């Protein structure tokens, strides 16, 4: 498994916990908003920041379609 995939799974699980949702629900939401690949591709940005910054960016993309960064 790549470092990117390991981090993506970590991010998915922690974001689901942050939102008090099941991981499957979160992934479906990301898929429905066509954000899954974009979130995965942000590995280099997200893994160097506090996890809360990634959550803020994902929330922004879900709400507006635009990154907070």
N, C-alpha and C. Protein backbone atom coordinates (compact mmCIF):
# COMPACT_ATOMS: atom_id res chain seq x y z
N UNK A 1 0.84 -1.17 0.00
CA UNK A 1 0.00 0.00 0.00
C UNK A 1 0.90 1.24 0.00
N UNK A 2 0.54 2.22 -0.80
CA UNK A 2 1.34 3.43 -0.89
C UNK A 2 1.13 4.31 0.34
N UNK A 3 2.06 5.23 0.56
CA UNK A 3 1.92 6.20 1.64
C UNK A 3 0.68 7.05 1.43
N UNK A 4 0.42 7.38 0.17
CA UNK A 4 -0.76 8.20 -0.15
C UNK A 4 -2.04 7.49 0.25
N UNK A 5 -2.13 6.20 -0.07
CA UNK A 5 -3.34 5.44 0.27
C UNK A 5 -3.47 5.27 1.77
N UNK A 6 -2.37 5.01 2.46
CA UNK A 6 -2.42 4.90 3.91
C UNK A 6 -2.94 6.19 4.53
N UNK A 7 -2.44 7.32 4.04
CA UNK A 7 -2.89 8.60 4.59
C UNK A 7 -4.34 8.86 4.22
N UNK A 8 -4.74 8.51 3.01
CA UNK A 8 -6.12 8.72 2.59
C UNK A 8 -7.08 7.96 3.52
N UNK A 9 -6.74 6.73 3.84
CA UNK A 9 -7.58 5.93 4.74
C UNK A 9 -7.60 6.56 6.13
N UNK A 10 -6.45 6.98 6.61
CA UNK A 10 -6.35 7.68 7.89
C UNK A 10 -7.25 8.92 7.89
N UNK A 11 -7.13 9.73 6.83
CA UNK A 11 -7.92 10.95 6.72
C UNK A 11 -9.40 10.64 6.67
N UNK A 12 -9.79 9.65 5.90
CA UNK A 12 -11.19 9.24 5.79
C UNK A 12 -11.74 8.82 7.16
N UNK A 13 -11.00 8.01 7.87
CA UNK A 13 -11.46 7.53 9.18
C UNK A 13 -11.56 8.66 10.19
N UNK A 14 -10.57 9.53 10.23
CA UNK A 14 -10.60 10.62 11.19
C UNK A 14 -11.63 11.68 10.83
N UNK A 15 -11.84 11.92 9.54
CA UNK A 15 -12.87 12.86 9.12
C UNK A 15 -14.25 12.31 9.48
N UNK A 16 -14.46 11.01 9.28
CA UNK A 16 -15.73 10.39 9.64
C UNK A 16 -15.98 10.54 11.14
N UNK A 17 -14.96 10.32 11.95
CA UNK A 17 -15.09 10.50 13.39
C UNK A 17 -15.41 11.95 13.74
N UNK A 18 -14.72 12.88 13.08
CA UNK A 18 -14.92 14.32 13.28
C UNK A 18 -16.37 14.71 12.97
N UNK A 19 -16.94 14.09 11.95
CA UNK A 19 -18.31 14.40 11.53
C UNK A 19 -19.35 13.50 12.18
N UNK A 20 -18.89 12.54 13.01
CA UNK A 20 -19.78 11.56 13.63
C UNK A 20 -20.60 10.82 12.57
N UNK A 21 -19.88 10.34 11.55
CA UNK A 21 -20.49 9.61 10.44
C UNK A 21 -19.74 8.30 10.26
N UNK A 22 -20.33 7.39 9.52
CA UNK A 22 -19.64 6.17 9.13
C UNK A 22 -18.71 6.48 7.97
N UNK A 23 -17.61 5.75 7.88
CA UNK A 23 -16.66 6.03 6.79
C UNK A 23 -17.32 5.85 5.43
N UNK A 24 -18.20 4.87 5.29
CA UNK A 24 -18.91 4.67 4.03
C UNK A 24 -19.76 5.86 3.64
N UNK A 25 -20.38 6.50 4.64
CA UNK A 25 -21.19 7.69 4.38
C UNK A 25 -20.32 8.84 3.90
N UNK A 26 -19.16 8.99 4.53
CA UNK A 26 -18.25 10.06 4.15
C UNK A 26 -17.75 9.83 2.72
N UNK A 27 -17.31 8.62 2.44
CA UNK A 27 -16.80 8.32 1.11
C UNK A 27 -17.88 8.53 0.06
N UNK A 28 -19.12 8.15 0.35
CA UNK A 28 -20.21 8.38 -0.60
C UNK A 28 -20.42 9.86 -0.84
N UNK A 29 -20.35 10.65 0.23
CA UNK A 29 -20.50 12.10 0.09
C UNK A 29 -19.39 12.68 -0.78
N UNK A 30 -18.16 12.25 -0.52
CA UNK A 30 -17.04 12.73 -1.34
C UNK A 30 -17.23 12.31 -2.79
N UNK A 31 -17.66 11.07 -3.01
CA UNK A 31 -17.91 10.59 -4.37
C UNK A 31 -19.03 11.39 -5.03
N UNK A 32 -20.11 11.61 -4.31
CA UNK A 32 -21.26 12.36 -4.85
C UNK A 32 -20.86 13.78 -5.26
N UNK A 33 -19.91 14.36 -4.54
CA UNK A 33 -19.43 15.71 -4.85
C UNK A 33 -18.21 15.69 -5.78
N UNK A 34 -17.85 14.51 -6.24
CA UNK A 34 -16.70 14.32 -7.14
C UNK A 34 -15.42 14.88 -6.53
N UNK A 35 -15.22 14.60 -5.23
CA UNK A 35 -14.06 15.12 -4.51
C UNK A 35 -13.06 14.05 -4.10
N UNK A 36 -13.42 12.79 -4.23
CA UNK A 36 -12.57 11.73 -3.70
C UNK A 36 -11.16 11.78 -4.28
N UNK A 37 -11.05 11.85 -5.59
CA UNK A 37 -9.73 11.87 -6.21
C UNK A 37 -8.98 13.16 -5.86
N UNK A 38 -9.70 14.26 -5.80
CA UNK A 38 -9.08 15.54 -5.45
C UNK A 38 -8.51 15.49 -4.03
N UNK A 39 -9.26 14.91 -3.11
CA UNK A 39 -8.79 14.77 -1.73
C UNK A 39 -7.58 13.85 -1.70
N UNK A 40 -7.66 12.73 -2.40
CA UNK A 40 -6.53 11.80 -2.47
C UNK A 40 -5.30 12.49 -3.03
N UNK A 41 -5.48 13.29 -4.07
CA UNK A 41 -4.36 13.97 -4.72
C UNK A 41 -3.75 15.08 -3.86
N UNK A 42 -4.45 15.52 -2.83
CA UNK A 42 -3.93 16.56 -1.94
C UNK A 42 -3.04 16.00 -0.83
N UNK A 43 -2.60 14.77 -0.98
CA UNK A 43 -1.75 14.12 0.02
C UNK A 43 -0.60 15.03 0.46
N UNK A 44 0.13 15.58 -0.49
CA UNK A 44 1.33 16.37 -0.13
C UNK A 44 0.99 17.60 0.68
N UNK A 45 -0.17 18.18 0.45
CA UNK A 45 -0.58 19.33 1.26
C UNK A 45 -1.13 18.89 2.61
N UNK A 46 -2.02 17.92 2.59
CA UNK A 46 -2.70 17.52 3.81
C UNK A 46 -1.80 16.85 4.83
N UNK A 47 -0.88 16.04 4.40
CA UNK A 47 -0.10 15.28 5.39
C UNK A 47 0.96 16.12 6.07
N UNK A 48 1.21 17.33 5.59
CA UNK A 48 2.19 18.20 6.22
C UNK A 48 1.55 19.23 7.15
N UNK A 49 0.24 19.28 7.16
CA UNK A 49 -0.51 20.24 7.97
C UNK A 49 -1.20 19.52 9.13
N UNK A 50 -1.73 20.30 10.03
CA UNK A 50 -2.58 19.73 11.08
C UNK A 50 -3.81 19.13 10.42
N UNK A 51 -4.27 18.01 10.91
CA UNK A 51 -5.40 17.31 10.31
C UNK A 51 -6.64 18.20 10.27
N UNK A 52 -6.77 19.10 11.23
CA UNK A 52 -7.91 20.02 11.25
C UNK A 52 -7.92 20.93 10.02
N UNK A 53 -6.74 21.26 9.49
CA UNK A 53 -6.67 22.07 8.28
C UNK A 53 -7.22 21.31 7.08
N UNK A 54 -6.95 20.02 7.02
CA UNK A 54 -7.52 19.19 5.96
C UNK A 54 -9.03 19.14 6.10
N UNK A 55 -9.53 18.98 7.33
CA UNK A 55 -10.97 18.96 7.55
C UNK A 55 -11.61 20.26 7.07
N UNK A 56 -10.98 21.38 7.39
CA UNK A 56 -11.50 22.68 6.99
C UNK A 56 -11.55 22.79 5.46
N UNK A 57 -10.51 22.31 4.81
CA UNK A 57 -10.47 22.37 3.35
C UNK A 57 -11.55 21.47 2.75
N UNK A 58 -11.70 20.27 3.28
CA UNK A 58 -12.73 19.36 2.77
C UNK A 58 -14.12 19.94 3.01
N UNK A 59 -14.37 20.49 4.18
CA UNK A 59 -15.67 21.14 4.45
C UNK A 59 -15.93 22.26 3.46
N UNK A 60 -14.91 23.04 3.15
CA UNK A 60 -15.05 24.13 2.19
C UNK A 60 -15.39 23.59 0.80
N UNK A 61 -14.69 22.53 0.38
CA UNK A 61 -14.96 21.96 -0.94
C UNK A 61 -16.38 21.37 -0.99
N UNK A 62 -16.83 20.75 0.09
CA UNK A 62 -18.18 20.19 0.11
C UNK A 62 -19.23 21.30 0.04
N UNK A 63 -18.96 22.41 0.71
CA UNK A 63 -19.93 23.50 0.76
C UNK A 63 -19.94 24.37 -0.49
N UNK A 64 -18.74 24.62 -1.04
CA UNK A 64 -18.64 25.59 -2.13
C UNK A 64 -18.05 25.03 -3.41
N UNK A 65 -17.45 23.85 -3.32
CA UNK A 65 -16.75 23.30 -4.48
C UNK A 65 -15.36 23.85 -4.63
N UNK A 66 -14.99 24.76 -3.73
CA UNK A 66 -13.67 25.39 -3.81
C UNK A 66 -12.85 25.08 -2.57
N UNK A 67 -11.55 24.96 -2.78
CA UNK A 67 -10.63 24.72 -1.68
C UNK A 67 -10.52 25.97 -0.81
N UNK A 68 -10.30 25.75 0.47
CA UNK A 68 -10.09 26.88 1.40
C UNK A 68 -8.69 27.46 1.25
N UNK A 69 -7.82 26.73 0.54
CA UNK A 69 -6.44 27.17 0.38
C UNK A 69 -6.24 27.94 -0.88
